């Protein structure tokens, strides 16, 4: 029960990784707030998690990470309901309909929009929650980065597939990692802990050839299951990591080596 009585907000909580993180929070005695721009999906995920729970309850909330009023409303609603908020996991990944083009074909306006949607959204949510945490006297943020915010993409593993590694993705994730450090240092002496997890590739119905190419890079497994990130996140959310601050924890089965 490492997270007993903790209220933990997960942006993009109804997504692949968000669902697994919420499950891990429940299993450790916490209360996951499944916040997502798609409220019906958040509600569905919460109901599914609550069917098999042994501890706690998951709650769905609507959240647009690019709307100041939406973020403010979420914070106010949670304070009114629970009296406090302990942690935030920045996990959402909004993008526009043209996201994913190969570098020579990326439209400048699409590039700018995707940077603002994602990195800008992380900034807005972090800023608003830190305002609350500073007033509360404590708080914890875990940002979800990526190994491609640390190393250059391994373009060779995408050959023979219709997949790409978008330029926006690498720039967004590297920005998230440094934003983590900036926020952590800025809020010195405020009892706010801010860290980042950078996972390697996570299985999500990718083509067989891609998975085979990627797995060759790993030490023991290669592609991760979404559940493989839970332990690291629980560590950062718990008191076990009290003096871990401003760090980027890489969880990639050694792919970066």
Protein backbone atom coordinates (compact mmCIF):
# COMPACT_ATOMS: atom_id res chain seq x y z
CA UNK A 1 0.00 0.00 0.00
CA UNK A 2 2.66 2.47 -1.09
CA UNK A 3 0.06 5.01 -2.23
CA UNK A 4 -2.57 4.64 0.47
CA UNK A 5 -5.02 7.57 0.55
CA UNK A 6 -3.22 9.33 -2.33
CA UNK A 7 -5.22 11.14 -5.01
CA UNK A 8 -3.33 10.71 -8.30
CA UNK A 9 -4.43 12.48 -11.49
CA UNK A 10 -3.53 10.76 -14.78
CA UNK A 11 -3.89 12.84 -17.93
CA UNK A 12 -4.71 10.65 -20.91
CA UNK A 13 -5.82 8.16 -18.29
CA UNK A 14 -8.04 6.23 -20.67
CA UNK A 15 -5.17 5.39 -23.03
CA UNK A 16 -2.95 2.31 -23.29
CA UNK A 17 -0.39 3.36 -20.68
CA UNK A 18 -2.81 5.42 -18.60
CA UNK A 19 -5.02 2.40 -17.90
CA UNK A 20 -2.08 0.35 -16.66
CA UNK A 21 -0.81 3.16 -14.46
CA UNK A 22 -4.29 3.54 -12.95
CA UNK A 23 -4.40 -0.18 -12.25
CA UNK A 24 -1.05 -0.01 -10.46
CA UNK A 25 -2.21 2.95 -8.39
CA UNK A 26 -5.33 1.05 -7.31
CA UNK A 27 -3.27 -2.00 -6.39
CA UNK A 28 -1.12 0.20 -4.16
CA UNK A 29 -4.02 1.77 -2.29
CA UNK A 30 -4.27 5.01 -4.23
CA UNK A 31 -7.18 6.71 -5.96
CA UNK A 32 -6.55 7.19 -9.69
CA UNK A 33 -8.31 10.07 -11.40
CA UNK A 34 -8.83 8.97 -15.01
CA UNK A 35 -8.76 12.36 -16.74
CA UNK A 36 -9.21 12.33 -20.49
CA UNK A 37 -10.58 14.55 -23.23
CA UNK A 38 -12.91 11.63 -24.09
CA UNK A 39 -15.07 11.41 -20.95
CA UNK A 40 -17.04 8.38 -22.15
CA UNK A 41 -13.80 6.46 -22.61
CA UNK A 42 -12.57 7.60 -19.19
CA UNK A 43 -15.85 6.45 -17.68
CA UNK A 44 -15.58 3.06 -19.39
CA UNK A 45 -12.00 2.53 -18.20
CA UNK A 46 -12.92 3.55 -14.64
CA UNK A 47 -15.83 1.11 -14.60
CA UNK A 48 -13.64 -1.71 -15.88
CA UNK A 49 -10.96 -1.03 -13.26
CA UNK A 50 -13.52 -0.79 -10.47
CA UNK A 51 -15.03 -4.20 -11.31
CA UNK A 52 -11.92 -6.08 -10.20
CA UNK A 53 -10.45 -3.72 -7.62
CA UNK A 54 -9.50 -4.86 -4.15
CA UNK A 55 -8.64 -1.38 -2.91
CA UNK A 56 -9.75 2.15 -3.72
CA UNK A 57 -11.88 3.48 -6.55
CA UNK A 58 -11.03 5.00 -9.93
CA UNK A 59 -12.89 8.19 -10.88
CA UNK A 60 -13.39 9.56 -14.42
CA UNK A 61 -13.06 13.26 -15.23
CA UNK A 62 -13.08 15.20 -18.50
CA UNK A 63 -9.90 17.16 -19.17
CA UNK A 64 -8.53 19.12 -22.11
CA UNK A 65 -4.86 19.69 -21.30
CA UNK A 66 -4.80 22.67 -23.71
CA UNK A 67 -7.59 24.53 -21.92
CA UNK A 68 -6.72 26.65 -18.92
CA UNK A 69 -10.35 26.63 -17.76
CA UNK A 70 -10.57 22.83 -18.10
CA UNK A 71 -7.43 22.31 -16.00
CA UNK A 72 -8.58 24.83 -13.38
CA UNK A 73 -11.99 23.19 -13.17
CA UNK A 74 -10.43 19.77 -12.64
CA UNK A 75 -8.24 21.04 -9.79
CA UNK A 76 -11.20 22.79 -8.13
CA UNK A 77 -13.49 19.78 -8.55
CA UNK A 78 -10.96 17.42 -6.99
CA UNK A 79 -10.28 19.74 -4.04
CA UNK A 80 -14.03 20.05 -3.45
CA UNK A 81 -14.47 16.28 -3.55
CA UNK A 82 -11.33 14.98 -1.83
CA UNK A 83 -9.85 17.98 -0.04
CA UNK A 84 -6.41 17.45 -1.53
CA UNK A 85 -4.46 16.24 -4.58
CA UNK A 86 -1.22 14.36 -4.08
CA UNK A 87 0.20 13.65 -7.51
CA UNK A 88 -0.08 14.27 -11.23
CA UNK A 89 1.02 11.96 -14.04
CA UNK A 90 1.40 13.87 -17.32
CA UNK A 91 0.63 11.12 -19.82
CA UNK A 92 -1.73 12.56 -22.47
CA UNK A 93 -0.53 12.71 -26.09
CA UNK A 94 -2.77 15.00 -28.18
CA UNK A 95 -1.91 15.49 -31.86
CA UNK A 96 -3.59 16.78 -34.99
CA UNK A 97 -4.86 14.77 -37.96
CA UNK A 98 -1.65 15.28 -39.99
CA UNK A 99 0.71 14.07 -37.26
CA UNK A 100 3.14 11.35 -38.33
CA UNK A 101 4.38 12.59 -41.71
CA UNK A 102 7.96 11.88 -42.76
CA UNK A 103 10.34 14.80 -42.20
CA UNK A 104 10.41 16.22 -45.78
CA UNK A 105 6.60 16.27 -45.86
CA UNK A 106 5.93 17.91 -42.49
CA UNK A 107 3.94 21.12 -42.87
CA UNK A 108 5.29 23.93 -40.70
CA UNK A 109 1.87 24.82 -39.27
CA UNK A 110 1.25 21.16 -38.38
CA UNK A 111 4.66 21.00 -36.72
CA UNK A 112 3.91 24.07 -34.59
CA UNK A 113 0.41 22.89 -33.72
CA UNK A 114 1.60 19.48 -32.54
CA UNK A 115 4.35 20.98 -30.39
CA UNK A 116 1.82 23.30 -28.75
CA UNK A 117 -0.81 20.57 -28.31
CA UNK A 118 1.57 18.23 -26.54
CA UNK A 119 4.49 20.07 -24.97
CA UNK A 120 2.31 23.13 -24.43
CA UNK A 121 -0.33 20.96 -22.76
CA UNK A 122 2.24 19.42 -20.41
CA UNK A 123 3.40 22.93 -19.53
CA UNK A 124 -0.10 24.22 -18.82
CA UNK A 125 -1.11 21.29 -16.63
CA UNK A 126 2.22 21.31 -14.76
CA UNK A 127 2.00 25.06 -14.19
CA UNK A 128 -1.53 24.92 -12.80
CA UNK A 129 -0.88 21.91 -10.59
CA UNK A 130 2.36 23.41 -9.27
CA UNK A 131 0.44 26.56 -8.34
CA UNK A 132 -1.86 24.35 -6.27
CA UNK A 133 0.94 22.17 -4.86
CA UNK A 134 2.90 25.25 -3.74
CA UNK A 135 -0.17 26.50 -1.89
CA UNK A 136 -0.86 23.05 -0.44
CA UNK A 137 2.75 22.69 0.73
CA UNK A 138 3.51 19.47 -1.12
CA UNK A 139 3.02 17.69 -4.43
CA UNK A 140 4.43 15.25 -6.92
CA UNK A 141 4.57 15.20 -10.73
CA UNK A 142 5.65 12.33 -12.97
CA UNK A 143 6.03 13.23 -16.65
CA UNK A 144 6.01 10.57 -19.34
CA UNK A 145 8.89 11.10 -21.76
CA UNK A 146 10.53 8.61 -24.12
CA UNK A 147 13.92 7.20 -25.00
CA UNK A 148 13.60 9.23 -28.21
CA UNK A 149 13.84 12.31 -26.07
CA UNK A 150 17.28 11.04 -25.02
CA UNK A 151 18.75 9.41 -28.13
CA UNK A 152 18.35 9.88 -31.87
CA UNK A 153 15.66 7.66 -33.42
CA UNK A 154 16.77 4.27 -34.72
CA UNK A 155 15.32 4.81 -38.17
CA UNK A 156 16.52 1.43 -39.43
CA UNK A 157 13.91 -0.47 -37.42
CA UNK A 158 11.10 1.25 -39.34
CA UNK A 159 12.22 -0.10 -42.71
CA UNK A 160 9.73 -2.38 -44.48
CA UNK A 161 6.86 -0.85 -42.48
CA UNK A 162 4.46 2.03 -43.04
CA UNK A 163 5.47 3.46 -39.66
CA UNK A 164 7.56 6.56 -39.06
CA UNK A 165 9.21 8.27 -36.11
CA UNK A 166 7.74 11.80 -36.29
CA UNK A 167 10.16 14.66 -35.78
CA UNK A 168 7.63 16.29 -33.45
CA UNK A 169 7.75 13.26 -31.14
CA UNK A 170 11.48 13.47 -30.49
CA UNK A 171 11.37 17.22 -29.95
CA UNK A 172 8.33 17.03 -27.66
CA UNK A 173 9.81 14.26 -25.54
CA UNK A 174 13.21 15.93 -25.20
CA UNK A 175 11.38 19.12 -24.21
CA UNK A 176 9.39 17.24 -21.58
CA UNK A 177 12.59 15.86 -20.06
CA UNK A 178 14.16 19.30 -19.76
CA UNK A 179 10.91 20.87 -18.59
CA UNK A 180 11.00 18.33 -15.77
CA UNK A 181 14.41 19.60 -14.68
CA UNK A 182 13.40 23.26 -15.01
CA UNK A 183 10.24 22.88 -12.93
CA UNK A 184 12.01 20.81 -10.28
CA UNK A 185 14.72 23.43 -9.85
CA UNK A 186 12.30 26.35 -9.96
CA UNK A 187 10.22 24.92 -7.12
CA UNK A 188 13.19 24.39 -4.82
CA UNK A 189 12.21 24.41 -1.13
CA UNK A 190 8.51 24.05 -2.00
CA UNK A 191 8.31 20.32 -1.18
CA UNK A 192 7.32 19.51 -4.76
CA UNK A 193 8.89 16.46 -6.40
CA UNK A 194 9.02 16.43 -10.22
CA UNK A 195 10.50 13.57 -12.24
CA UNK A 196 10.19 11.94 -15.65
CA UNK A 197 9.95 8.35 -16.91
CA UNK A 198 11.23 7.63 -20.42
CA UNK A 199 9.96 4.26 -21.62
CA UNK A 200 11.24 2.36 -24.59
CA UNK A 201 8.86 1.00 -27.23
CA UNK A 202 5.54 -0.31 -25.90
CA UNK A 203 3.60 -3.06 -27.63
CA UNK A 204 0.50 -1.71 -29.37
CA UNK A 205 -0.30 -3.88 -32.42
CA UNK A 206 2.79 -2.81 -34.35
CA UNK A 207 3.78 -4.79 -37.48
CA UNK A 208 5.62 -8.05 -36.84
CA UNK A 209 8.72 -6.91 -38.74
CA UNK A 210 8.99 -3.78 -36.61
CA UNK A 211 8.72 -5.76 -33.37
CA UNK A 212 11.37 -8.20 -34.58
CA UNK A 213 13.72 -5.35 -35.51
CA UNK A 214 13.14 -3.57 -32.21
CA UNK A 215 13.55 -6.69 -30.06
CA UNK A 216 17.08 -7.13 -31.37
CA UNK A 217 18.03 -3.90 -29.59
CA UNK A 218 16.93 -5.03 -26.13
CA UNK A 219 18.93 -6.95 -23.55
CA UNK A 220 16.27 -9.36 -22.28
CA UNK A 221 12.90 -8.47 -23.79
CA UNK A 222 12.94 -5.60 -26.27
CA UNK A 223 9.44 -4.17 -26.74
CA UNK A 224 7.76 -3.55 -23.40
CA UNK A 225 4.23 -4.21 -22.26
CA UNK A 226 2.49 -1.11 -20.88
CA UNK A 227 2.44 -2.84 -17.48
CA UNK A 228 6.27 -2.86 -17.43
CA UNK A 229 6.25 0.86 -16.62
CA UNK A 230 4.04 0.56 -13.52
CA UNK A 231 6.77 -0.28 -10.99
CA UNK A 232 8.92 2.72 -11.87
CA UNK A 233 5.95 5.05 -11.67
CA UNK A 234 4.82 3.71 -8.29
CA UNK A 235 8.38 4.23 -7.02
CA UNK A 236 8.36 7.88 -8.11
CA UNK A 237 4.88 8.47 -6.68
CA UNK A 238 5.74 6.93 -3.33
CA UNK A 239 7.86 7.98 -0.37
CA UNK A 240 10.52 5.50 -1.52
CA UNK A 241 11.75 8.23 -3.88
CA UNK A 242 11.55 11.18 -1.49
CA UNK A 243 14.92 12.60 -2.54
CA UNK A 244 14.73 11.74 -6.23
CA UNK A 245 13.97 15.05 -7.94
CA UNK A 246 14.43 16.45 -11.43
CA UNK A 247 15.49 13.08 -12.79
CA UNK A 248 14.71 11.15 -15.97
CA UNK A 249 14.29 7.43 -15.31
CA UNK A 250 14.85 5.36 -18.45
CA UNK A 251 12.85 2.12 -18.65
CA UNK A 252 13.82 0.50 -21.94
CA UNK A 253 15.44 -2.92 -21.38
CA UNK A 254 18.77 -1.39 -22.32
CA UNK A 255 17.80 -0.22 -25.81
CA UNK A 256 19.64 3.08 -25.25
CA UNK A 257 22.93 1.30 -24.53
